[in-house]
Protein backbone atom coordinates (compact mmCIF):
# COMPACT_ATOMS: atom_id res chain seq x y z
CA MET A 1 -70.08 12.15 3.05
CA VAL A 2 -66.23 12.98 2.74
CA ALA A 3 -65.72 11.72 6.83
CA LYS A 4 -65.43 7.92 5.93
CA PRO A 5 -62.63 8.63 3.00
CA ARG A 6 -60.77 10.71 5.60
CA SER A 7 -61.35 8.62 8.35
CA ARG A 8 -59.25 5.36 6.16
CA CYS A 9 -56.57 7.80 5.00
CA CYS A 10 -55.30 8.67 8.50
CA CYS A 11 -55.09 4.70 9.05
CA CYS A 12 -53.32 4.50 6.13
CA SER A 13 -50.79 6.99 7.28
CA TRP A 14 -50.68 5.66 10.94
CA PHE A 15 -49.89 2.30 9.61
CA ILE A 16 -47.36 3.57 7.25
CA GLY A 17 -45.55 5.68 9.61
CA ILE A 18 -45.64 2.62 11.95
CA ILE A 19 -43.94 0.69 9.41
CA VAL A 20 -41.10 3.14 8.83
CA LEU A 21 -40.70 3.54 12.57
CA VAL A 22 -39.88 -0.31 12.57
CA ALA A 23 -37.77 -0.42 9.86
CA VAL A 24 -35.58 2.58 11.32
CA ILE A 25 -35.53 0.64 14.17
CA LEU A 26 -34.66 -2.54 12.79
CA ALA A 27 -31.69 -0.64 11.04
CA VAL A 28 -30.12 1.21 14.10
CA ILE A 29 -30.37 -1.66 15.85
CA PHE A 30 -28.74 -4.13 12.65
CA THR A 31 -26.16 -1.19 12.45
CA PHE A 32 -25.53 -1.04 16.04
CA ARG A 33 -24.55 -5.10 16.36
CA HIS A 34 -23.03 -5.35 13.05
CA ARG A 35 -20.30 -2.65 14.34
CA SER A 36 -20.30 -3.38 17.31
CA SER A 37 -19.65 -7.20 16.20
CA HIS A 38 -15.96 -5.78 14.83
CA SER A 39 -14.24 -3.99 17.72
CA ASP A 40 -14.37 -3.65 21.42
CA ASP A 41 -13.97 0.36 21.16
CA ASP A 42 -16.18 3.16 19.65
CA PRO A 43 -17.95 1.79 16.87
CA GLY A 44 -16.41 3.19 13.54
CA SER A 45 -14.72 5.91 15.67
CA ILE A 46 -11.43 7.20 14.08
CA ASP A 47 -8.27 5.91 15.73
CA LYS A 48 -6.78 9.21 16.19
CA ASN A 49 -3.37 7.83 17.01
CA TYR A 50 -3.20 5.36 14.68
CA ALA A 51 -4.59 7.78 12.50
CA ASN A 52 -1.47 10.42 12.70
CA ALA A 53 0.82 6.98 12.41
CA LEU A 54 -0.75 6.26 9.23
CA LYS A 55 -0.24 10.23 7.70
CA ILE A 56 3.14 10.05 9.09
CA ALA A 57 4.14 6.51 8.17
CA MET A 58 2.57 7.80 4.43
CA GLN A 59 5.73 10.37 3.85
CA PHE A 60 8.31 7.82 3.31
CA PHE A 61 7.31 7.06 -0.22
CA ASP A 62 7.42 11.10 -1.15
CA ILE A 63 11.27 11.03 0.44
CA GLN A 64 12.06 7.46 -1.90
CA LYS A 65 10.82 8.99 -5.33
CA SER A 66 13.33 9.77 -7.76
CA GLY A 67 12.71 11.26 -10.79
CA LYS A 68 11.44 14.91 -11.77
CA LEU A 69 9.65 15.25 -8.59
CA GLU A 70 5.81 16.67 -8.05
CA ASN A 71 3.89 18.48 -6.02
CA ASN A 72 6.78 17.90 -4.05
CA LYS A 73 6.34 18.48 -0.30
CA ILE A 74 9.68 17.25 1.00
CA SER A 75 11.74 20.31 1.46
CA TRP A 76 15.10 18.30 1.24
CA ARG A 77 14.19 16.88 -1.57
CA GLY A 78 15.01 16.97 -5.39
CA ASP A 79 15.13 16.05 -8.92
CA SER A 80 17.85 12.92 -9.13
CA GLY A 81 18.07 10.25 -11.21
CA LEU A 82 16.38 12.01 -14.19
CA LYS A 83 19.05 9.85 -16.65
CA ASP A 84 18.37 5.90 -15.15
CA GLY A 85 17.64 3.88 -18.30
CA SER A 86 19.05 6.12 -20.67
CA GLU A 87 21.88 3.36 -20.97
CA ALA A 88 18.68 1.26 -22.40
CA SER A 89 17.17 3.82 -23.96
CA ILE A 90 14.38 3.96 -21.63
CA ASP A 91 12.54 6.04 -18.73
CA LEU A 92 13.39 4.73 -15.92
CA SER A 93 13.47 7.94 -13.50
CA LYS A 94 10.58 7.41 -11.42
CA GLY A 95 10.48 4.49 -8.68
CA LEU A 96 11.21 4.64 -5.18
CA TYR A 97 15.22 3.98 -3.70
CA ASP A 98 15.07 1.14 -1.86
CA ALA A 99 16.35 1.79 1.26
CA GLY A 100 19.13 4.37 3.09
CA ASP A 101 21.18 4.37 -0.63
CA HIS A 102 20.04 5.02 -4.05
CA MET A 103 19.78 1.61 -5.35
CA LYS A 104 16.50 1.01 -7.06
CA PHE A 105 16.30 -3.11 -6.91
CA GLY A 106 13.17 -4.52 -8.91
CA PHE A 107 12.19 -7.38 -6.71
CA PRO A 108 11.42 -5.57 -2.99
CA MET A 109 9.75 -2.48 -5.35
CA ALA A 110 7.35 -4.76 -6.85
CA PHE A 111 6.35 -6.42 -3.60
CA THR A 112 5.55 -2.93 -2.36
CA ALA A 113 4.01 -1.89 -5.33
CA THR A 114 1.82 -5.49 -4.48
CA VAL A 115 1.57 -4.49 -0.85
CA LEU A 116 0.17 -1.12 -1.21
CA SER A 117 -2.10 -1.84 -3.58
CA TRP A 118 -3.06 -4.81 -1.37
CA SER A 119 -3.80 -1.93 1.30
CA ILE A 120 -5.86 0.16 -0.94
CA LEU A 121 -7.79 -2.49 -2.12
CA GLU A 122 -8.61 -3.69 1.15
CA TYR A 123 -8.53 -0.52 3.73
CA GLY A 124 -9.07 2.55 1.04
CA ASP A 125 -11.93 3.61 2.93
CA GLN A 126 -10.45 3.77 6.19
CA MET A 127 -7.47 5.76 3.57
CA ALA A 128 -10.20 7.58 2.10
CA SER A 129 -11.69 8.72 6.50
CA VAL A 130 -8.21 10.32 7.54
CA ASN A 131 -8.07 11.65 3.35
CA LEU A 132 -5.35 9.37 2.79
CA LEU A 133 -6.15 7.89 0.00
CA ASP A 134 -5.14 9.67 -2.80
CA HIS A 135 -1.37 9.99 -1.09
CA ALA A 136 -1.50 6.12 -1.20
CA LYS A 137 -2.70 6.00 -4.80
CA ASP A 138 -0.57 8.55 -6.19
CA SER A 139 2.91 6.63 -4.41
CA LEU A 140 1.36 3.59 -6.37
CA LYS A 141 1.54 4.79 -9.27
CA TRP A 142 4.57 6.50 -9.73
CA THR A 143 6.09 2.94 -8.73
CA THR A 144 3.72 1.12 -10.99
CA ASP A 145 4.92 3.63 -14.43
CA PHE A 146 8.82 2.49 -12.94
CA LEU A 147 7.32 -0.99 -13.75
CA ILE A 148 5.41 -0.28 -16.64
CA ASN A 149 8.87 0.98 -18.12
CA ALA A 150 11.32 -1.62 -16.92
CA HIS A 151 8.80 -3.78 -19.19
CA PRO A 152 9.66 -2.66 -22.81
CA SER A 153 8.91 -6.06 -24.24
CA PRO A 154 7.51 -9.36 -23.07
CA ASN A 155 10.09 -11.22 -22.11
CA VAL A 156 12.58 -8.41 -20.76
CA LEU A 157 12.55 -6.93 -17.50
CA TYR A 158 14.91 -4.39 -15.95
CA ILE A 159 15.28 -5.26 -12.91
CA GLN A 160 17.61 -2.85 -11.14
CA VAL A 161 18.94 0.77 -11.56
CA GLY A 162 22.53 0.95 -10.35
CA ASP A 163 25.97 -1.29 -9.44
CA PRO A 164 25.84 -1.52 -5.17
CA VAL A 165 29.06 -1.92 -4.94
CA THR A 166 30.06 1.33 -6.68
CA ASP A 167 26.51 3.11 -4.68
CA HIS A 168 27.72 1.80 -1.78
CA LYS A 169 31.20 3.65 -1.98
CA CYS A 170 29.83 6.67 -2.41
CA TRP A 171 27.68 9.15 0.76
CA ASP A 172 26.10 11.38 -0.76
CA ARG A 173 22.57 13.44 -1.72
CA PRO A 174 20.68 11.52 -4.52
CA GLU A 175 20.33 15.36 -5.76
CA THR A 176 24.20 15.31 -6.27
CA MET A 177 25.20 11.29 -7.63
CA THR A 178 27.13 11.87 -10.78
CA ARG A 179 28.40 8.18 -11.01
CA LYS A 180 26.97 5.93 -14.29
CA ARG A 181 23.42 4.19 -13.10
CA THR A 182 24.35 0.87 -14.89
CA LEU A 183 21.02 -1.55 -15.13
CA THR A 184 20.59 -5.19 -14.77
CA LYS A 185 17.88 -6.78 -16.67
CA ILE A 186 15.96 -10.69 -16.86
CA ASP A 187 15.45 -11.95 -20.50
CA THR A 188 14.92 -15.81 -21.95
CA GLU A 189 18.73 -16.01 -21.60
CA THR A 190 18.70 -14.87 -18.14
CA PRO A 191 15.58 -15.61 -16.67
CA GLY A 192 14.72 -14.80 -13.09
CA THR A 193 11.23 -16.10 -12.51
CA GLU A 194 10.58 -14.74 -8.78
CA VAL A 195 10.82 -11.13 -9.73
CA ALA A 196 8.96 -10.93 -13.54
CA ALA A 197 6.08 -13.39 -11.24
CA GLU A 198 6.61 -10.34 -8.19
CA THR A 199 5.84 -7.58 -10.59
CA ALA A 200 3.20 -9.41 -12.50
CA ALA A 201 1.20 -9.53 -8.86
CA ALA A 202 2.54 -5.75 -8.39
CA MET A 203 0.81 -5.36 -12.16
CA ALA A 204 -2.14 -7.63 -11.58
CA ALA A 205 -2.84 -6.11 -8.20
CA ALA A 206 -2.69 -2.27 -9.10
CA SER A 207 -4.78 -2.83 -12.34
CA LEU A 208 -7.83 -2.82 -9.64
CA VAL A 209 -6.91 -0.13 -7.73
CA PHE A 210 -6.94 2.16 -10.80
CA LYS A 211 -9.67 -0.06 -12.50
CA GLU A 212 -12.73 2.52 -12.06
CA SER A 213 -10.35 5.74 -11.73
CA ASP A 214 -8.22 5.12 -14.30
CA THR A 215 -9.90 2.34 -16.85
CA LYS A 216 -7.32 2.89 -19.69
CA TYR A 217 -4.25 2.58 -17.08
CA SER A 218 -5.54 -0.14 -14.97
CA SER A 219 -5.89 -2.10 -19.08
CA THR A 220 -2.06 -1.70 -19.71
CA LEU A 221 -1.32 -2.52 -15.89
CA LEU A 222 -3.08 -6.24 -16.78
CA LYS A 223 -1.24 -6.53 -20.22
CA HIS A 224 1.61 -6.30 -18.82
CA ALA A 225 0.76 -8.27 -15.42
CA LYS A 226 -0.68 -11.47 -18.12
CA GLN A 227 2.88 -11.09 -20.57
CA LEU A 228 5.43 -11.11 -17.12
CA PHE A 229 3.77 -14.06 -15.46
CA ASN A 230 3.40 -16.09 -18.78
CA PHE A 231 7.63 -14.65 -19.27
CA ALA A 232 8.16 -16.29 -15.24
CA ASP A 233 5.70 -19.31 -16.03
CA ASN A 234 7.40 -20.31 -19.66
CA ASN A 235 11.08 -19.81 -18.49
CA ARG A 236 11.99 -20.79 -14.90
CA GLY A 237 15.10 -20.37 -13.25
CA SER A 238 15.90 -18.37 -10.22
CA TYR A 239 17.43 -14.34 -10.55
CA SER A 240 19.44 -14.88 -8.21
CA VAL A 241 21.18 -17.77 -9.14
CA ASN A 242 21.44 -16.45 -12.68
CA ILE A 243 22.67 -13.21 -11.62
CA PRO A 244 24.74 -14.72 -8.29
CA GLU A 245 25.71 -10.64 -8.26
CA VAL A 246 22.43 -9.40 -6.24
CA GLN A 247 22.85 -12.42 -3.36
CA PRO A 248 24.56 -10.01 -0.79
CA TYR A 249 21.39 -7.43 -1.06
CA TYR A 250 18.55 -9.03 -2.22
CA ASN A 251 19.32 -13.27 -3.08
CA SER A 252 15.90 -15.34 -3.39
CA THR A 253 14.81 -18.69 -1.71
CA GLY A 254 13.14 -19.94 -4.89
CA TYR A 255 10.43 -18.83 -7.16
CA GLY A 256 7.56 -20.92 -6.47
CA ASP A 257 5.71 -19.01 -4.17
CA GLU A 258 6.09 -16.09 -6.43
CA LEU A 259 4.07 -17.58 -9.20
CA LEU A 260 1.52 -19.07 -6.86
CA TRP A 261 1.33 -15.43 -5.83
CA ALA A 262 1.12 -13.80 -9.07
CA ALA A 263 -1.66 -15.96 -10.32
CA SER A 264 -3.13 -15.57 -7.82
CA TRP A 265 -3.49 -11.63 -7.77
CA LEU A 266 -4.19 -11.95 -11.46
CA TYR A 267 -7.15 -14.60 -11.00
CA HIS A 268 -8.49 -11.57 -9.03
CA ALA A 269 -7.88 -9.21 -11.32
CA THR A 270 -9.49 -11.54 -13.79
CA GLU A 271 -11.46 -13.51 -12.84
CA ASP A 272 -9.59 -16.05 -15.78
CA LYS A 273 -9.76 -19.92 -14.07
CA THR A 274 -6.61 -20.07 -15.79
CA TYR A 275 -4.99 -18.95 -12.95
CA LEU A 276 -7.02 -20.80 -10.25
CA ASP A 277 -6.05 -23.83 -11.58
CA PHE A 278 -2.69 -22.98 -11.93
CA VAL A 279 -2.85 -22.49 -8.02
CA SER A 280 -5.03 -25.27 -7.40
CA GLU A 281 -2.83 -27.65 -9.79
CA ASN A 282 0.71 -26.52 -8.35
CA GLY A 283 -0.50 -25.83 -4.29
CA GLU A 284 1.42 -28.97 -3.45
CA GLU A 285 4.88 -28.44 -5.26
CA PHE A 286 4.71 -24.61 -4.21
CA GLY A 287 2.57 -24.00 -1.25
CA ASN A 288 4.41 -25.72 1.61
CA PHE A 289 0.84 -26.56 3.37
CA GLY A 290 0.84 -27.49 7.11
CA SER A 291 4.04 -25.59 7.52
CA PRO A 292 3.50 -21.96 8.18
CA SER A 293 6.09 -19.41 7.44
CA TRP A 294 6.77 -15.71 7.45
CA PHE A 295 5.81 -12.99 5.27
CA SER A 296 8.13 -10.99 3.59
CA TRP A 297 9.61 -9.47 0.32
CA ASP A 298 11.08 -13.00 -0.15
CA ASN A 299 8.58 -15.22 1.31
CA LYS A 300 5.11 -14.27 -0.30
CA LEU A 301 3.65 -17.88 0.68
CA PRO A 302 2.06 -16.54 3.66
CA GLY A 303 0.46 -13.44 2.03
CA THR A 304 -0.82 -15.98 -0.78
CA HIS A 305 -2.46 -18.74 1.82
CA ILE A 306 -4.43 -15.63 2.95
CA LEU A 307 -5.07 -14.53 -0.70
CA LEU A 308 -7.49 -17.01 -1.34
CA SER A 309 -8.96 -18.13 1.83
CA ARG A 310 -10.32 -15.17 1.10
CA LEU A 311 -11.80 -16.93 -1.59
CA THR A 312 -12.93 -19.76 0.47
CA PHE A 313 -15.02 -16.79 2.31
CA PHE A 314 -16.59 -14.90 -0.16
CA LYS A 315 -16.89 -16.94 -3.31
CA LYS A 316 -18.87 -20.71 -1.80
CA GLY A 317 -19.96 -21.71 -4.97
CA LEU A 318 -16.42 -21.14 -6.49
CA SER A 319 -15.67 -23.77 -9.33
CA GLY A 320 -12.15 -25.07 -8.39
CA SER A 321 -12.89 -23.96 -4.44
CA LYS A 322 -11.57 -27.73 -3.58
CA GLY A 323 -7.72 -26.92 -4.47
CA LEU A 324 -8.06 -24.11 -2.29
CA GLN A 325 -8.19 -26.40 0.83
CA GLY A 326 -4.45 -26.22 1.65
CA TYR A 327 -3.87 -22.44 1.27
CA LYS A 328 -7.02 -22.10 3.73
CA GLU A 329 -6.07 -24.79 6.45
CA THR A 330 -2.32 -23.24 5.97
CA ALA A 331 -3.48 -20.07 6.32
CA GLU A 332 -5.47 -21.02 9.25
CA ALA A 333 -2.18 -22.29 11.14
CA VAL A 334 -0.46 -19.18 10.36
CA MET A 335 -3.06 -17.28 12.56
CA CYS A 336 -3.04 -19.88 15.15
CA GLY A 337 0.77 -19.06 15.03
CA LEU A 338 0.42 -15.07 15.89
CA ILE A 339 -2.51 -15.66 18.80
CA PRO A 340 -0.33 -15.51 22.35
CA SER A 341 -2.67 -18.17 23.83
CA SER A 342 -2.88 -20.36 21.53
CA PRO A 343 -1.30 -24.00 21.39
CA THR A 344 0.77 -23.39 18.59
CA ALA A 345 1.53 -20.08 19.21
CA THR A 346 5.11 -19.67 17.86
CA SER A 347 8.29 -19.07 20.76
CA SER A 348 9.77 -16.39 18.21
CA ARG A 349 8.94 -13.37 20.25
CA THR A 350 10.85 -10.96 22.49
CA ASP A 351 10.20 -10.52 25.84
CA GLY A 352 8.42 -7.12 24.92
CA GLY A 353 5.97 -9.16 23.16
CA LEU A 354 7.05 -8.66 19.27
CA ILE A 355 7.39 -11.57 16.88
CA TRP A 356 10.60 -11.76 16.74
CA VAL A 357 12.53 -13.53 13.65
CA SER A 358 15.68 -12.05 12.40
CA GLU A 359 18.07 -9.55 13.31
CA TRP A 360 17.90 -7.68 9.99
CA ASN A 361 15.31 -5.79 9.85
CA ALA A 362 13.89 -7.23 12.45
CA LEU A 363 10.33 -5.16 12.15
CA GLN A 364 9.47 -6.85 8.63
CA HIS A 365 7.73 -10.20 10.20
CA PRO A 366 5.70 -8.74 13.23
CA VAL A 367 4.32 -5.73 10.54
CA SER A 368 3.45 -8.34 8.28
CA SER A 369 2.07 -10.50 10.44
CA ALA A 370 -0.46 -8.20 11.70
CA PHE A 371 -1.34 -7.08 8.62
CA LEU A 372 -2.43 -10.46 7.35
CA ALA A 373 -3.99 -11.11 11.11
CA THR A 374 -6.44 -7.78 10.95
CA LEU A 375 -7.18 -9.15 7.30
CA TYR A 376 -7.85 -12.38 8.32
CA SER A 377 -9.96 -11.39 10.85
CA ASP A 378 -12.06 -9.15 8.82
CA TYR A 379 -12.66 -12.33 6.30
CA MET A 380 -13.93 -13.58 9.36
CA LEU A 381 -16.49 -10.69 10.89
CA THR A 382 -17.22 -10.20 7.26
CA SER A 383 -18.22 -13.55 6.24
CA GLY A 384 -19.90 -14.24 9.73
CA ILE A 385 -17.73 -16.79 10.86
CA LYS A 386 -17.17 -16.52 14.56
CA GLU A 387 -14.53 -18.80 15.84
CA LEU A 388 -11.09 -20.00 14.92
CA SER A 389 -9.85 -23.80 16.06
CA CYS A 390 -6.26 -23.81 16.86
CA SER A 391 -5.76 -27.72 17.81
CA ASP A 392 -8.29 -28.23 20.90
CA GLN A 393 -9.01 -24.48 21.35
CA SER A 394 -11.24 -22.01 20.35
CA PHE A 395 -10.53 -17.96 18.92
CA LYS A 396 -12.62 -15.26 18.06
CA PRO A 397 -11.01 -12.41 15.54
CA SER A 398 -10.93 -10.08 18.32
CA ASP A 399 -8.10 -12.33 19.42
CA LEU A 400 -6.19 -11.66 16.27
CA ARG A 401 -6.77 -8.00 16.18
CA LYS A 402 -5.96 -7.57 19.27
CA PHE A 403 -2.40 -9.67 18.39
CA ALA A 404 -2.21 -7.13 15.55
CA ARG A 405 -2.80 -4.14 17.79
CA SER A 406 -0.10 -5.14 19.72
CA GLN A 407 2.80 -5.22 17.51
CA ALA A 408 1.31 -2.03 16.03
CA ASP A 409 1.79 -0.70 19.90
CA TYR A 410 4.96 -1.77 20.49
CA MET A 411 6.24 -0.24 16.73
CA LEU A 412 5.52 2.57 18.45
CA GLY A 413 6.17 3.01 21.43
CA LYS A 414 5.03 0.39 23.89
CA ASN A 415 8.22 -1.12 24.34
CA PRO A 416 11.15 -1.52 26.84
CA GLU A 417 13.09 1.28 24.77
CA LYS A 418 9.83 3.43 24.65
CA MET A 419 11.18 4.07 21.49
CA SER A 420 8.60 4.60 18.45
CA TYR A 421 10.02 3.11 15.74
CA LEU A 422 8.11 4.84 13.72
CA VAL A 423 10.14 8.02 12.65
CA GLY A 424 8.49 10.95 13.05
CA TYR A 425 5.93 9.97 15.64
CA GLY A 426 5.66 10.13 18.96
CA GLU A 427 8.27 12.04 21.73
CA LYS A 428 11.29 9.17 21.62
CA TYR A 429 11.98 7.88 18.04
CA PRO A 430 15.48 7.24 15.75
CA GLU A 431 17.24 10.67 15.40
CA PHE A 432 20.35 8.74 13.46
CA VAL A 433 19.28 7.11 10.79
CA HIS A 434 20.92 5.65 8.44
CA HIS A 435 19.79 7.77 5.05
CA ARG A 436 21.73 9.40 3.02
CA GLY A 437 19.09 12.25 2.20
CA ALA A 438 18.33 12.66 5.33
CA SER A 439 21.84 13.17 7.04
CA ILE A 440 23.30 15.25 4.67
CA PRO A 441 21.86 18.83 4.92
CA ALA A 442 20.38 20.12 1.99
CA ASP A 443 22.35 22.64 0.85
CA ALA A 444 25.99 20.58 1.67
CA ASN A 445 28.51 20.64 -0.90
CA THR A 446 29.53 17.80 -0.90
CA GLY A 447 30.45 14.60 -3.43
CA CYS A 448 31.21 11.14 -3.15
CA LYS A 449 33.96 10.31 -0.35
CA ASP A 450 33.67 13.33 1.28
CA GLY A 451 29.71 13.22 2.10
CA PHE A 452 31.40 9.88 4.62
CA LYS A 453 31.68 12.83 7.02
CA TRP A 454 27.95 13.31 7.59
CA LEU A 455 27.70 9.29 8.28
CA ASN A 456 30.12 9.46 10.54
CA SER A 457 28.82 12.89 12.48
CA GLU A 458 27.99 12.29 15.38
CA GLU A 459 25.09 14.77 15.14
CA PRO A 460 21.45 13.82 14.81
CA ASN A 461 20.77 13.86 11.27
CA PRO A 462 19.62 17.29 10.11
CA ASN A 463 16.68 16.24 8.07
CA VAL A 464 13.86 13.99 9.54
CA ALA A 465 12.96 10.58 7.48
CA TYR A 466 9.46 11.25 8.55
CA GLY A 467 7.44 7.62 8.26
CA ALA A 468 11.01 5.93 8.22
CA LEU A 469 10.27 2.23 9.23
CA VAL A 470 13.61 1.43 10.93
CA GLY A 471 14.73 -2.22 11.41
CA GLY A 472 13.68 -2.73 14.90
CA PRO A 473 15.69 -3.79 17.98
CA PHE A 474 17.61 -6.92 19.39
CA LEU A 475 15.81 -10.33 20.91
CA ASN A 476 16.60 -8.68 23.49
CA ASP A 477 14.34 -5.38 22.62
CA THR A 478 17.57 -3.50 22.85
CA PHE A 479 18.14 -1.28 19.85
CA ILE A 480 21.16 1.16 19.19
CA ASP A 481 20.46 4.90 17.52
CA ALA A 482 23.72 4.85 15.57
CA ARG A 483 23.89 6.31 12.01
CA ASN A 484 26.32 3.19 11.33
CA ASN A 485 24.27 0.65 12.91
CA SER A 486 22.51 -0.12 9.51
CA MET A 487 21.02 -3.76 10.77
CA GLN A 488 18.62 -1.68 13.36
CA ASN A 489 18.40 1.73 11.96
CA GLU A 490 18.02 1.36 8.24
CA PRO A 491 14.66 2.02 6.94
CA SER A 492 12.89 0.62 3.74
CA THR A 493 10.31 1.02 1.14
CA TYR A 494 8.86 -2.57 1.20
CA ASN A 495 8.76 -1.77 4.89
CA SER A 496 6.83 1.42 5.01
CA ALA A 497 4.13 -0.67 2.24
CA LEU A 498 3.51 -2.98 4.95
CA VAL A 499 3.17 -0.68 8.29
CA VAL A 500 0.70 1.52 5.68
CA GLY A 501 -1.95 -1.41 5.39
CA LEU A 502 -1.01 -2.72 9.29
CA LEU A 503 -2.34 0.93 10.63
CA SER A 504 -4.71 1.34 7.50
CA SER A 505 -6.41 -1.05 8.93
CA LEU A 506 -6.36 -0.02 12.28
CA VAL A 507 -7.57 3.33 12.07
CA THR A 508 -11.32 2.06 12.14
CA THR A 509 -13.37 -1.20 12.06
CA SER A 510 -14.90 -2.01 9.05
CA SER A 511 -16.10 -4.65 7.05
CA SER A 512 -14.31 -7.01 4.23
CA LEU A 513 -15.35 -6.43 0.30
CA GLU A 514 -16.73 -9.75 -0.23
CA SER A 515 -15.16 -8.81 -4.09
CA PHE A 516 -12.33 -6.16 -5.54
């Protein structure tokens, strides 16, 4: 009597087992195909070279920190700039020193925060895979803490700590500097649209980074971002015109790009269509459509083109997306200019294959271009777009990634000089980096003027500025490792943000999040 029921149960078990087996096989096939589409390498594996380089690159943020240091792991760094901001009764002790000196320039510092935020949002999973995500978020928060305090009221933003003329007359450690730390600000009487807008972009992007882990902090950042964007838009004027003293250091070529950049980030952070309408309505005036350019601390247009293209890839039914077409087409032109075999490839390259645009800080443009290329490649892959049309030729996402790897590899030592331009990586890297703290022994008893003996010393730096990305080679691929050679041998924090983004994108393969 029990034989038939048991027989039916047995058949059910076999049937269910077959279904489960088929499902598992299909899942394995799908996963393999999905991962292999991202790279010709071992799918999903960690690239140890890029992972090691990323770990080193992240250290430069710690080297550049001002203020009361927490969990300091840099033996030759200590507390500094503790009274910064006291002139205005605000705390500007945190933040990052800009480069090899002890200045805090708000314009490039905000750009550093925006790019670092973007890198975390896009490639935080890669950072986490090599245990560096918390480090990146800590470096970001150290910077945004400064930016929050630098914005004490809706229409006031402190944009600089220190006087560069006075600062550059000294060669000393930040821990021992005693000179007055003057402050520079923008307000309604002295507007600085590009700095206010870039800081708004930084706050908006960072608000997304901390949205889940610290909702209160995220809300604070977003509040500042909205206020700063309104301040920037309603009080238009170039900071380098209104404050001509900044022109020798970070002279702006215009503020339209920063307004578009800030509105783009605010849209991603809020999904408020007002910001999408802004980029749509102001694209013709500020977007420079059809004319690809280079992403840098001064020119946010290529980054804006890529960021808004993200929406066209992942938000197909988005209301107002037609106004983004000019951004998408220009983003494609930027990408086509980077691929070496493209009919519209830029000729701005060294014989060694490095994108080369400027003698000063030559590596900024190839690193930023490579970072954008990996982003666009991942957007294509995730959305299932297999080809990019460049005139009469088509290219794959892998072509963009191949270009990005070529720039990263050049930077890390695959170049005619066999020199790694990331300090601390590889067997040969710059030993005479133009960096005060690195050049002076931590126990040296020197002040402002007598410290110049360390600048002029013929001995290598006593402290290794791990993670510093120096300016880079000349057009002929040569490099002079001399401490006085600030053109080629001075690092900067905004370079570090870009290189962290690039290396994070190459650590392993992944798909893009369709929404932040």
